C-alpha atoms as a PDB file:
ATOM      1  CA  MET A   1       1.235  -4.533  18.566  1.00  0.00           C
ATOM      2  CA  ILE A   2       0.652  -2.955  15.145  1.00  0.00           C
ATOM      3  CA  ASN A   3       3.507  -3.434  12.695  1.00  0.00           C
ATOM      4  CA  ILE A   4       3.492  -0.157  10.760  1.00  0.00           C
ATOM      5  CA  ASN A   5       5.989  -1.643   8.322  1.00  0.00           C
ATOM      6  CA  ARG A   6       3.361  -4.151   7.197  1.00  0.00           C
ATOM      7  CA  PRO A   7       0.610  -2.455   5.159  1.00  0.00           C
ATOM      8  CA  ARG A   8      -2.706  -4.272   5.330  1.00  0.00           C
ATOM      9  CA  ARG A   9      -4.836  -2.254   2.930  1.00  0.00           C
ATOM     10  CA  SER A  10      -6.090  -5.348   1.107  1.00  0.00           C
ATOM     11  CA  VAL A  11      -6.418  -8.722   2.842  1.00  0.00           C
ATOM     12  CA  LEU A  12      -7.694 -11.416   0.486  1.00  0.00           C
ATOM     13  CA  TYR A  13      -9.310 -14.691   1.544  1.00  0.00           C
ATOM     14  CA  MET A  14      -8.028 -17.654  -0.510  1.00  0.00           C
ATOM     15  CA  PRO A  15      -9.631 -21.126  -0.185  1.00  0.00           C
ATOM     16  CA  GLY A  16      -7.081 -23.735   0.782  1.00  0.00           C
ATOM     17  CA  ALA A  17      -8.772 -26.436  -1.297  1.00  0.00           C
ATOM     18  CA  ASN A  18      -8.213 -24.494  -4.544  1.00  0.00           C
ATOM     19  CA  THR A  19      -4.619 -24.991  -5.690  1.00  0.00           C
ATOM     20  CA  ARG A  20      -5.081 -22.767  -8.741  1.00  0.00           C
ATOM     21  CA  ALA A  21      -6.245 -19.901  -6.542  1.00  0.00           C
ATOM     22  CA  LEU A  22      -3.280 -20.382  -4.207  1.00  0.00           C
ATOM     23  CA  GLU A  23      -0.892 -20.233  -7.134  1.00  0.00           C
ATOM     24  CA  LYS A  24      -2.567 -17.145  -8.571  1.00  0.00           C
ATOM     25  CA  ALA A  25      -2.282 -15.403  -5.204  1.00  0.00           C
ATOM     26  CA  LYS A  26       1.492 -15.280  -5.655  1.00  0.00           C
ATOM     27  CA  SER A  27       1.090 -12.643  -8.370  1.00  0.00           C
ATOM     28  CA  LEU A  28      -1.717 -10.544  -6.876  1.00  0.00           C
ATOM     29  CA  ALA A  29      -1.284  -7.022  -5.478  1.00  0.00           C
ATOM     30  CA  ALA A  30      -2.868  -7.866  -2.105  1.00  0.00           C
ATOM     31  CA  ASP A  31      -0.887  -6.793   0.948  1.00  0.00           C
ATOM     32  CA  SER A  32      -1.954  -9.872   2.911  1.00  0.00           C
ATOM     33  CA  LEU A  33      -3.502 -13.261   2.178  1.00  0.00           C
ATOM     34  CA  ILE A  34      -5.747 -15.280   4.462  1.00  0.00           C
ATOM     35  CA  LEU A  35      -5.242 -18.894   3.412  1.00  0.00           C
ATOM     36  CA  ASP A  36      -8.487 -20.420   4.561  1.00  0.00           C
ATOM     37  CA  LEU A  37      -9.078 -23.818   6.122  1.00  0.00           C
ATOM     38  CA  GLU A  38     -12.384 -22.942   7.758  1.00  0.00           C
ATOM     39  CA  ASP A  39     -15.531 -21.590   6.070  1.00  0.00           C
ATOM     40  CA  ALA A  40     -14.261 -21.904   2.497  1.00  0.00           C
ATOM     41  CA  VAL A  41     -13.355 -25.599   2.848  1.00  0.00           C
ATOM     42  CA  ALA A  42     -15.801 -28.504   3.041  1.00  0.00           C
ATOM     43  CA  PRO A  43     -15.280 -31.051   5.855  1.00  0.00           C
ATOM     44  CA  ASP A  44     -14.088 -33.785   3.508  1.00  0.00           C
ATOM     45  CA  SER A  45     -11.497 -31.429   1.984  1.00  0.00           C
ATOM     46  CA  LYS A  46      -9.918 -30.150   5.203  1.00  0.00           C
ATOM     47  CA  VAL A  47      -6.880 -32.471   5.182  1.00  0.00           C
ATOM     48  CA  VAL A  48      -6.134 -31.887   1.500  1.00  0.00           C
ATOM     49  CA  ALA A  49      -6.528 -28.119   1.920  1.00  0.00           C
ATOM     50  CA  ARG A  50      -4.091 -28.180   4.827  1.00  0.00           C
ATOM     51  CA  ALA A  51      -1.485 -29.911   2.652  1.00  0.00           C
ATOM     52  CA  ASN A  52      -2.154 -27.486  -0.218  1.00  0.00           C
ATOM     53  CA  ILE A  53      -1.540 -24.440   1.962  1.00  0.00           C
ATOM     54  CA  HIS A  54       1.572 -25.907   3.506  1.00  0.00           C
ATOM     55  CA  ALA A  55       3.042 -26.614   0.062  1.00  0.00           C
ATOM     56  CA  ALA A  56       2.139 -23.145  -1.181  1.00  0.00           C
ATOM     57  CA  LEU A  57       3.826 -21.541   1.835  1.00  0.00           C
ATOM     58  CA  GLU A  58       6.979 -23.517   1.163  1.00  0.00           C
ATOM     59  CA  SER A  59       7.203 -22.115  -2.367  1.00  0.00           C
ATOM     60  CA  GLY A  60       6.560 -18.613  -1.037  1.00  0.00           C
ATOM     61  CA  PHE A  61       4.268 -15.644  -1.684  1.00  0.00           C
ATOM     62  CA  GLY A  62       6.884 -12.934  -2.101  1.00  0.00           C
ATOM     63  CA  HIS A  63       6.362  -9.821   0.055  1.00  0.00           C
ATOM     64  CA  ARG A  64       2.738 -10.749   0.772  1.00  0.00           C
ATOM     65  CA  GLU A  65       1.881 -11.420   4.386  1.00  0.00           C
ATOM     66  CA  THR A  66       0.444 -14.920   4.816  1.00  0.00           C
ATOM     67  CA  VAL A  67      -2.133 -15.751   7.467  1.00  0.00           C
ATOM     68  CA  VAL A  68      -3.631 -19.223   7.881  1.00  0.00           C
ATOM     69  CA  ARG A  69      -7.211 -19.289   9.129  1.00  0.00           C
ATOM     70  CA  ILE A  70      -7.437 -22.576  10.974  1.00  0.00           C
ATOM     71  CA  ASN A  71     -10.519 -24.410  12.134  1.00  0.00           C
ATOM     72  CA  GLY A  72     -11.616 -23.818  15.714  1.00  0.00           C
ATOM     73  CA  LEU A  73      -9.702 -25.742  18.351  1.00  0.00           C
ATOM     74  CA  ASN A  74     -13.010 -27.273  19.415  1.00  0.00           C
ATOM     75  CA  THR A  75     -13.381 -28.957  16.007  1.00  0.00           C
ATOM     76  CA  PRO A  76     -11.827 -32.238  14.816  1.00  0.00           C
ATOM     77  CA  TRP A  77      -9.295 -30.324  12.677  1.00  0.00           C
ATOM     78  CA  GLY A  78      -8.176 -27.348  14.757  1.00  0.00           C
ATOM     79  CA  LEU A  79      -5.284 -28.812  16.715  1.00  0.00           C
ATOM     80  CA  ASP A  80      -3.936 -30.636  13.657  1.00  0.00           C
ATOM     81  CA  ASP A  81      -4.070 -27.321  11.803  1.00  0.00           C
ATOM     82  CA  LEU A  82      -1.904 -25.730  14.485  1.00  0.00           C
ATOM     83  CA  LYS A  83       0.525 -28.650  14.384  1.00  0.00           C
ATOM     84  CA  ALA A  84       0.818 -28.345  10.616  1.00  0.00           C
ATOM     85  CA  PHE A  85       1.705 -24.645  10.649  1.00  0.00           C
ATOM     86  CA  ALA A  86       3.632 -24.176  13.896  1.00  0.00           C
ATOM     87  CA  HIS A  87       6.893 -24.658  11.946  1.00  0.00           C
ATOM     88  CA  SER A  88       5.679 -23.231   8.633  1.00  0.00           C
ATOM     89  CA  LYS A  89       6.525 -20.046   6.738  1.00  0.00           C
ATOM     90  CA  ALA A  90       3.188 -18.457   7.642  1.00  0.00           C
ATOM     91  CA  ASP A  91       3.283 -15.070   9.369  1.00  0.00           C
ATOM     92  CA  ALA A  92       0.191 -15.517  11.523  1.00  0.00           C
ATOM     93  CA  ILE A  93      -2.610 -17.838  12.575  1.00  0.00           C
ATOM     94  CA  LEU A  94      -6.188 -16.564  12.356  1.00  0.00           C
ATOM     95  CA  LEU A  95      -8.579 -18.024  14.928  1.00  0.00           C
ATOM     96  CA  PRO A  96     -12.253 -18.192  13.948  1.00  0.00           C
ATOM     97  CA  LYS A  97     -15.192 -17.163  16.125  1.00  0.00           C
ATOM     98  CA  VAL A  98     -13.167 -15.890  19.052  1.00  0.00           C
ATOM     99  CA  GLU A  99     -15.349 -15.080  22.051  1.00  0.00           C
ATOM    100  CA  SER A 100     -12.942 -15.209  24.993  1.00  0.00           C
ATOM    101  CA  ALA A 101      -9.375 -14.611  26.106  1.00  0.00           C
ATOM    102  CA  ALA A 102      -9.109 -18.343  26.813  1.00  0.00           C
ATOM    103  CA  GLN A 103      -9.273 -19.180  23.096  1.00  0.00           C
ATOM    104  CA  ILE A 104      -6.338 -16.874  22.339  1.00  0.00           C
ATOM    105  CA  GLN A 105      -4.366 -18.178  25.285  1.00  0.00           C
ATOM    106  CA  ALA A 106      -4.984 -21.821  24.367  1.00  0.00           C
ATOM    107  CA  ALA A 107      -3.767 -21.278  20.803  1.00  0.00           C
ATOM    108  CA  ALA A 108      -0.680 -19.405  22.015  1.00  0.00           C
ATOM    109  CA  GLU A 109       0.148 -22.162  24.504  1.00  0.00           C
ATOM    110  CA  HIS A 110      -0.244 -24.881  21.871  1.00  0.00           C
ATOM    111  CA  LEU A 111       2.026 -22.985  19.482  1.00  0.00           C
ATOM    112  CA  LYS A 112       4.653 -22.539  22.199  1.00  0.00           C
ATOM    113  CA  GLN A 113       4.595 -26.246  22.995  1.00  0.00           C
ATOM    114  CA  LEU A 114       4.755 -27.210  19.330  1.00  0.00           C
ATOM    115  CA  ASN A 115       7.560 -24.778  18.533  1.00  0.00           C
ATOM    116  CA  PRO A 116       9.320 -23.025  21.464  1.00  0.00           C
ATOM    117  CA  SER A 117      10.977 -20.584  19.049  1.00  0.00           C
ATOM    118  CA  ASN A 118       7.675 -19.842  17.335  1.00  0.00           C
ATOM    119  CA  GLN A 119       7.366 -16.329  15.888  1.00  0.00           C
ATOM    120  CA  LEU A 120       3.810 -16.626  14.605  1.00  0.00           C
ATOM    121  CA  THR A 121       1.410 -13.928  15.676  1.00  0.00           C
ATOM    122  CA  ILE A 122      -2.285 -14.550  16.301  1.00  0.00           C
ATOM    123  CA  TRP A 123      -5.221 -12.837  14.636  1.00  0.00           C
ATOM    124  CA  ALA A 124      -8.772 -13.103  15.966  1.00  0.00           C
ATOM    125  CA  MET A 125     -12.037 -13.230  14.022  1.00  0.00           C
ATOM    126  CA  ILE A 126     -14.633 -10.988  15.666  1.00  0.00           C
ATOM    127  CA  GLU A 127     -17.894 -12.282  14.223  1.00  0.00           C
ATOM    128  CA  THR A 128     -20.450 -12.893  16.963  1.00  0.00           C
ATOM    129  CA  PRO A 129     -22.437 -10.709  19.391  1.00  0.00           C
ATOM    130  CA  MET A 130     -20.577 -12.289  22.317  1.00  0.00           C
ATOM    131  CA  ALA A 131     -17.231 -11.309  20.769  1.00  0.00           C
ATOM    132  CA  ILE A 132     -18.317  -7.677  20.698  1.00  0.00           C
ATOM    133  CA  PHE A 133     -19.196  -7.782  24.399  1.00  0.00           C
ATOM    134  CA  LYS A 134     -15.819  -9.436  25.176  1.00  0.00           C
ATOM    135  CA  LEU A 135     -13.598  -7.168  23.057  1.00  0.00           C
ATOM    136  CA  SER A 136     -11.525  -5.777  25.914  1.00  0.00           C
ATOM    137  CA  GLU A 137     -10.917  -9.255  27.323  1.00  0.00           C
ATOM    138  CA  ILE A 138      -9.967 -10.611  23.903  1.00  0.00           C
ATOM    139  CA  CYS A 139      -7.653  -7.725  23.047  1.00  0.00           C
ATOM    140  CA  SER A 140      -5.674  -8.101  26.260  1.00  0.00           C
ATOM    141  CA  ALA A 141      -5.535 -11.902  26.149  1.00  0.00           C
ATOM    142  CA  HIS A 142      -1.933 -12.450  25.029  1.00  0.00           C
ATOM    143  CA  PRO A 143       1.071 -10.502  23.652  1.00  0.00           C
ATOM    144  CA  ALA A 144       0.995 -12.654  20.503  1.00  0.00           C
ATOM    145  CA  LEU A 145      -2.339 -11.154  19.446  1.00  0.00           C
ATOM    146  CA  GLU A 146      -1.739  -8.725  16.576  1.00  0.00           C
ATOM    147  CA  ALA A 147      -5.003  -8.134  14.711  1.00  0.00           C
ATOM    148  CA  LEU A 148      -8.775  -8.216  14.864  1.00  0.00           C
ATOM    149  CA  VAL A 149     -10.643  -9.296  11.723  1.00  0.00           C
ATOM    150  CA  LEU A 150     -14.318  -8.410  11.498  1.00  0.00           C
ATOM    151  CA  GLY A 151     -16.544 -11.221  10.261  1.00  0.00           C
ATOM    152  CA  THR A 152     -19.554  -9.123   9.373  1.00  0.00           C
ATOM    153  CA  SER A 153     -21.403 -11.824   7.431  1.00  0.00           C
ATOM    154  CA  ASP A 154     -21.621 -14.113  10.459  1.00  0.00           C
ATOM    155  CA  LEU A 155     -22.383 -11.165  12.691  1.00  0.00           C
ATOM    156  CA  VAL A 156     -25.331 -10.034  10.551  1.00  0.00           C
ATOM    157  CA  LYS A 157     -26.632 -13.597  10.539  1.00  0.00           C
ATOM    158  CA  ASP A 158     -26.429 -13.875  14.323  1.00  0.00           C
ATOM    159  CA  LEU A 159     -28.111 -10.507  14.752  1.00  0.00           C
ATOM    160  CA  HIS A 160     -31.026 -11.594  12.549  1.00  0.00           C
ATOM    161  CA  ALA A 161     -30.280  -8.362  10.700  1.00  0.00           C
ATOM    162  CA  ARG A 162     -30.131  -7.443   7.019  1.00  0.00           C
ATOM    163  CA  HIS A 163     -27.213  -6.203   4.957  1.00  0.00           C
ATOM    164  CA  THR A 164     -27.816  -2.548   4.079  1.00  0.00           C
ATOM    165  CA  PRO A 165     -25.756  -0.166   1.902  1.00  0.00           C
ATOM    166  CA  GLY A 166     -24.928   2.034   4.881  1.00  0.00           C
ATOM    167  CA  ARG A 167     -24.187  -0.964   7.144  1.00  0.00           C
ATOM    168  CA  VAL A 168     -26.339   0.457   9.901  1.00  0.00           C
ATOM    169  CA  GLU A 169     -26.782  -3.104  11.190  1.00  0.00           C
ATOM    170  CA  THR A 170     -23.078  -3.407  12.100  1.00  0.00           C
ATOM    171  CA  LEU A 171     -21.938   0.167  12.775  1.00  0.00           C
ATOM    172  CA  THR A 172     -21.954  -0.260  16.538  1.00  0.00           C
ATOM    173  CA  ALA A 173     -19.890  -3.448  16.338  1.00  0.00           C
ATOM    174  CA  LEU A 174     -17.494  -1.922  13.820  1.00  0.00           C
ATOM    175  CA  SER A 175     -16.919   1.181  15.912  1.00  0.00           C
ATOM    176  CA  LEU A 176     -16.439  -0.750  19.149  1.00  0.00           C
ATOM    177  CA  SER A 177     -13.916  -3.026  17.416  1.00  0.00           C
ATOM    178  CA  VAL A 178     -11.861  -0.075  16.192  1.00  0.00           C
ATOM    179  CA  LEU A 179     -11.951   1.477  19.670  1.00  0.00           C
ATOM    180  CA  ALA A 180     -10.815  -1.777  21.295  1.00  0.00           C
ATOM    181  CA  ALA A 181      -8.038  -2.319  18.756  1.00  0.00           C
ATOM    182  CA  ARG A 182      -6.673   1.188  19.197  1.00  0.00           C
ATOM    183  CA  ALA A 183      -6.904   0.966  22.990  1.00  0.00           C
ATOM    184  CA  HIS A 184      -4.721  -2.154  22.859  1.00  0.00           C
ATOM    185  CA  GLN A 185      -2.507  -1.111  19.917  1.00  0.00           C
ATOM    186  CA  LEU A 186      -3.741  -3.812  17.559  1.00  0.00           C
ATOM    187  CA  CYS A 187      -4.414  -3.849  13.838  1.00  0.00           C
ATOM    188  CA  VAL A 188      -8.108  -3.984  12.889  1.00  0.00           C
ATOM    189  CA  LEU A 189      -9.520  -5.085   9.532  1.00  0.00           C
ATOM    190  CA  ASP A 190     -12.977  -4.393   8.140  1.00  0.00           C
ATOM    191  CA  GLY A 191     -15.346  -7.160   7.002  1.00  0.00           C
ATOM    192  CA  VAL A 192     -15.920  -8.238   3.418  1.00  0.00           C
ATOM    193  CA  HIS A 193     -18.176  -6.719   0.774  1.00  0.00           C
ATOM    194  CA  LEU A 194     -20.181  -9.633  -0.593  1.00  0.00           C
ATOM    195  CA  SER A 195     -21.337  -8.274  -3.991  1.00  0.00           C
ATOM    196  CA  LEU A 196     -18.738  -8.853  -6.694  1.00  0.00           C
ATOM    197  CA  ASP A 197     -20.542  -6.764  -9.329  1.00  0.00           C
ATOM    198  CA  ASP A 198     -21.056  -3.742  -7.086  1.00  0.00           C
ATOM    199  CA  GLU A 199     -17.966  -1.552  -7.389  1.00  0.00           C
ATOM    200  CA  SER A 200     -19.849   1.491  -6.154  1.00  0.00           C
ATOM    201  CA  GLY A 201     -20.942  -0.341  -3.017  1.00  0.00           C
ATOM    202  CA  LEU A 202     -17.420  -1.632  -2.428  1.00  0.00           C
ATOM    203  CA  ARG A 203     -16.037   1.889  -2.762  1.00  0.00           C
ATOM    204  CA  THR A 204     -18.600   3.231  -0.300  1.00  0.00           C
ATOM    205  CA  SER A 205     -17.816   0.438   2.163  1.00  0.00           C
ATOM    206  CA  CYS A 206     -14.051   0.992   1.876  1.00  0.00           C
ATOM    207  CA  ILE A 207     -14.360   4.746   2.373  1.00  0.00           C
ATOM    208  CA  GLN A 208     -16.612   4.212   5.375  1.00  0.00           C
ATOM    209  CA  GLY A 209     -14.189   1.706   6.908  1.00  0.00           C
ATOM    210  CA  ARG A 210     -11.196   3.942   6.284  1.00  0.00           C
ATOM    211  CA  ASP A 211     -12.968   6.938   7.809  1.00  0.00           C
ATOM    212  CA  MET A 212     -13.900   4.865  10.873  1.00  0.00           C
ATOM    213  CA  GLY A 213     -10.234   3.999  11.418  1.00  0.00           C
ATOM    214  CA  PHE A 214      -9.814   0.490   9.988  1.00  0.00           C
ATOM    215  CA  ASP A 215      -6.332  -0.401   8.702  1.00  0.00           C
ATOM    216  CA  GLY A 216      -7.657  -2.263   5.681  1.00  0.00           C
ATOM    217  CA  LYS A 217     -10.404  -4.366   4.140  1.00  0.00           C
ATOM    218  CA  THR A 218     -10.841  -8.113   3.954  1.00  0.00           C
ATOM    219  CA  LEU A 219     -11.759  -9.185   0.425  1.00  0.00           C
ATOM    220  CA  ILE A 220     -13.315 -12.179  -1.304  1.00  0.00           C
ATOM    221  CA  HIS A 221     -12.111 -11.668  -4.897  1.00  0.00           C
ATOM    222  CA  PRO A 222      -8.961 -10.366  -6.614  1.00  0.00           C
ATOM    223  CA  SER A 223     -11.056  -7.794  -8.503  1.00  0.00           C
ATOM    224  CA  GLN A 224     -11.533  -5.935  -5.190  1.00  0.00           C
ATOM    225  CA  ILE A 225      -7.823  -5.487  -4.442  1.00  0.00           C
ATOM    226  CA  ALA A 226      -7.039  -2.360  -6.441  1.00  0.00           C
ATOM    227  CA  LEU A 227      -9.871  -0.344  -4.935  1.00  0.00           C
ATOM    228  CA  ALA A 228      -8.985  -1.342  -1.368  1.00  0.00           C
ATOM    229  CA  ASN A 229      -5.319  -0.497  -1.946  1.00  0.00           C
ATOM    230  CA  ASP A 230      -6.247   2.890  -3.324  1.00  0.00           C
ATOM    231  CA  ILE A 231      -8.660   3.875  -0.570  1.00  0.00           C
ATOM    232  CA  PHE A 232      -6.780   2.518   2.434  1.00  0.00           C
ATOM    233  CA  GLY A 233      -3.414   3.788   1.236  1.00  0.00           C
ATOM    234  CA  PRO A 234      -2.409   7.430   1.735  1.00  0.00           C
ATOM    235  CA  SER A 235      -3.073   9.569  -1.335  1.00  0.00           C
ATOM    236  CA  PRO A 236      -0.376  11.831  -2.855  1.00  0.00           C
ATOM    237  CA  ALA A 237      -2.222  14.814  -1.375  1.00  0.00           C
ATOM    238  CA  GLU A 238      -2.230  13.245   2.107  1.00  0.00           C
ATOM    239  CA  ILE A 239       1.484  12.459   1.836  1.00  0.00           C
ATOM    240  CA  GLU A 240       2.286  16.008   0.743  1.00  0.00           C
ATOM    241  CA  GLU A 241       0.211  17.488   3.551  1.00  0.00           C
ATOM    242  CA  ALA A 242       1.887  15.210   6.116  1.00  0.00           C
ATOM    243  CA  GLN A 243       5.291  16.418   4.971  1.00  0.00           C
ATOM    244  CA  GLN A 244       4.138  20.034   5.098  1.00  0.00           C
ATOM    245  CA  ARG A 245       2.783  19.596   8.615  1.00  0.00           C
ATOM    246  CA  ILE A 246       6.082  18.253   9.883  1.00  0.00           C
ATOM    247  CA  THR A 247       8.058  21.035   8.196  1.00  0.00           C
ATOM    248  CA  ALA A 248       5.751  23.747   9.535  1.00  0.00           C
ATOM    249  CA  TYR A 249       5.748  22.323  13.051  1.00  0.00           C
ATOM    250  CA  GLU A 250       9.527  21.932  13.200  1.00  0.00           C
ATOM    251  CA  ALA A 251       9.927  25.526  12.058  1.00  0.00           C
ATOM    252  CA  ALA A 252       7.471  26.665  14.740  1.00  0.00           C
ATOM    253  CA  ILE A 253       9.320  24.770  17.463  1.00  0.00           C
ATOM    254  CA  GLN A 254      12.646  26.248  16.395  1.00  0.00           C
ATOM    255  CA  SER A 255      11.136  29.717  16.620  1.00  0.00           C
ATOM    256  CA  GLY A 256       9.925  29.036  20.146  1.00  0.00           C
ATOM    257  CA  ALA A 257       6.241  28.487  19.343  1.00  0.00           C
ATOM    258  CA  GLY A 258       4.369  25.414  20.550  1.00  0.00           C
ATOM    259  CA  ILE A 259       2.026  25.231  17.596  1.00  0.00           C
ATOM    260  CA  ALA A 260       2.099  25.972  13.886  1.00  0.00           C
ATOM    261  CA  VAL A 261      -0.485  27.098  11.364  1.00  0.00           C
ATOM    262  CA  LEU A 262      -0.782  25.459   7.942  1.00  0.00           C
ATOM    263  CA  ASN A 263      -3.423  26.486   5.420  1.00  0.00           C
ATOM    264  CA  GLY A 264      -5.385  28.168   8.180  1.00  0.00           C
ATOM    265  CA  LYS A 265      -5.339  25.121  10.470  1.00  0.00           C
ATOM    266  CA  LEU A 266      -3.564  24.694  13.795  1.00  0.00           C
ATOM    267  CA  ILE A 267      -0.826  22.037  13.831  1.00  0.00           C
ATOM    268  CA  GLU A 268       0.001  20.447  17.186  1.00  0.00           C
ATOM    269  CA  GLU A 269       2.028  17.445  18.325  1.00  0.00           C
ATOM    270  CA  LEU A 270      -0.929  15.086  17.832  1.00  0.00           C
ATOM    271  CA  HIS A 271      -1.080  16.075  14.151  1.00  0.00           C
ATOM    272  CA  ILE A 272       2.636  15.356  13.786  1.00  0.00           C
ATOM    273  CA  GLN A 273       2.232  11.876  15.220  1.00  0.00           C
ATOM    274  CA  ASP A 274      -0.431  11.135  12.622  1.00  0.00           C
ATOM    275  CA  ALA A 275       1.670  12.710   9.853  1.00  0.00           C
ATOM    276  CA  LYS A 276       4.584  10.431  10.747  1.00  0.00           C
ATOM    277  CA  ARG A 277       2.270   7.425  10.683  1.00  0.00           C
ATOM    278  CA  ILE A 278       1.061   8.359   7.184  1.00  0.00           C
ATOM    279  CA  LEU A 279       4.617   8.814   5.876  1.00  0.00           C
ATOM    280  CA  ALA A 280       5.773   5.534   7.420  1.00  0.00           C
ATOM    281  CA  LEU A 281       2.871   3.698   5.797  1.00  0.00           C
ATOM    282  CA  ALA A 282       3.594   5.318   2.427  1.00  0.00           C
ATOM    283  CA  GLN A 283       7.259   4.366   2.676  1.00  0.00           C
ATOM    284  CA  ALA A 284       6.383   0.770   3.525  1.00  0.00           C
ATOM    285  CA  ILE A 285       3.977   0.524   0.585  1.00  0.00           C
ATOM    286  CA  ASN A 286       6.622   1.922  -1.766  1.00  0.00           C
ATOM    287  CA  SER A 287       9.210  -0.575  -0.543  1.00  0.00           C
ATOM    288  CA  PHE A 288       6.833  -3.463  -1.250  1.00  0.00           C
ATOM    289  CA  ASN A 289       6.090  -2.174  -4.745  1.00  0.00           C
ATOM    290  CA  ARG A 290       9.726  -2.060  -5.838  1.00  0.00           C
END
């Protein structure tokens, strides 16, 4: 289930082998951190990276949500990764290359055996063509599943496609992932923007993802955080309009009408639900920034 009290506008990947990066992450404005043991860590650094992340979690990351991306359970490191973090201060475990409900269920069962009082949620990387075809199965796999994370780089590679400014190569997969997440009340996070010196492209990608319905953007560099926070967070104008919608609708209900009109637009119950979501998100962001 989506935790509305946990903004996920900016979700930054941090390599577990880089202790300086892990330390720096404690002062960054990212809503969430993915502490990576998989793609960003070479095979001979996996054990050291695991220890680095565990130590960093013990010292804490403040209000930032911490998610450990483990290696696949079919690799030599995956199960040891789960053992290392089953009792840790992490908030969630991110499973790479998920293509079936069985992978989610296996991870959940291992975590339960390792720590019966475990409160960790599970996130799933959606980064292969097979994952897109199995979205409904994956999303309904286990109550511990909380979020889908799009791995668009791997997906483009598997499609034999090319990265384009409009992301035409992944639009179908992106849209289907948002639909599946909403159908199963999960959080869904957009894939990374690979060009660090392309602020215009990052802005376009963030706006597109926000307009499609994503909750936030996964990022590869701290310089991308501010833009993602700005675009995926409600603007002052959106907050004001949400408040006005609720006021207008409540007044209409009290007068016996079933709908209200605000600035020439009809306001119905569905608009109020969205207005309340926007205000709750804004309140949560403000509480984290204090």
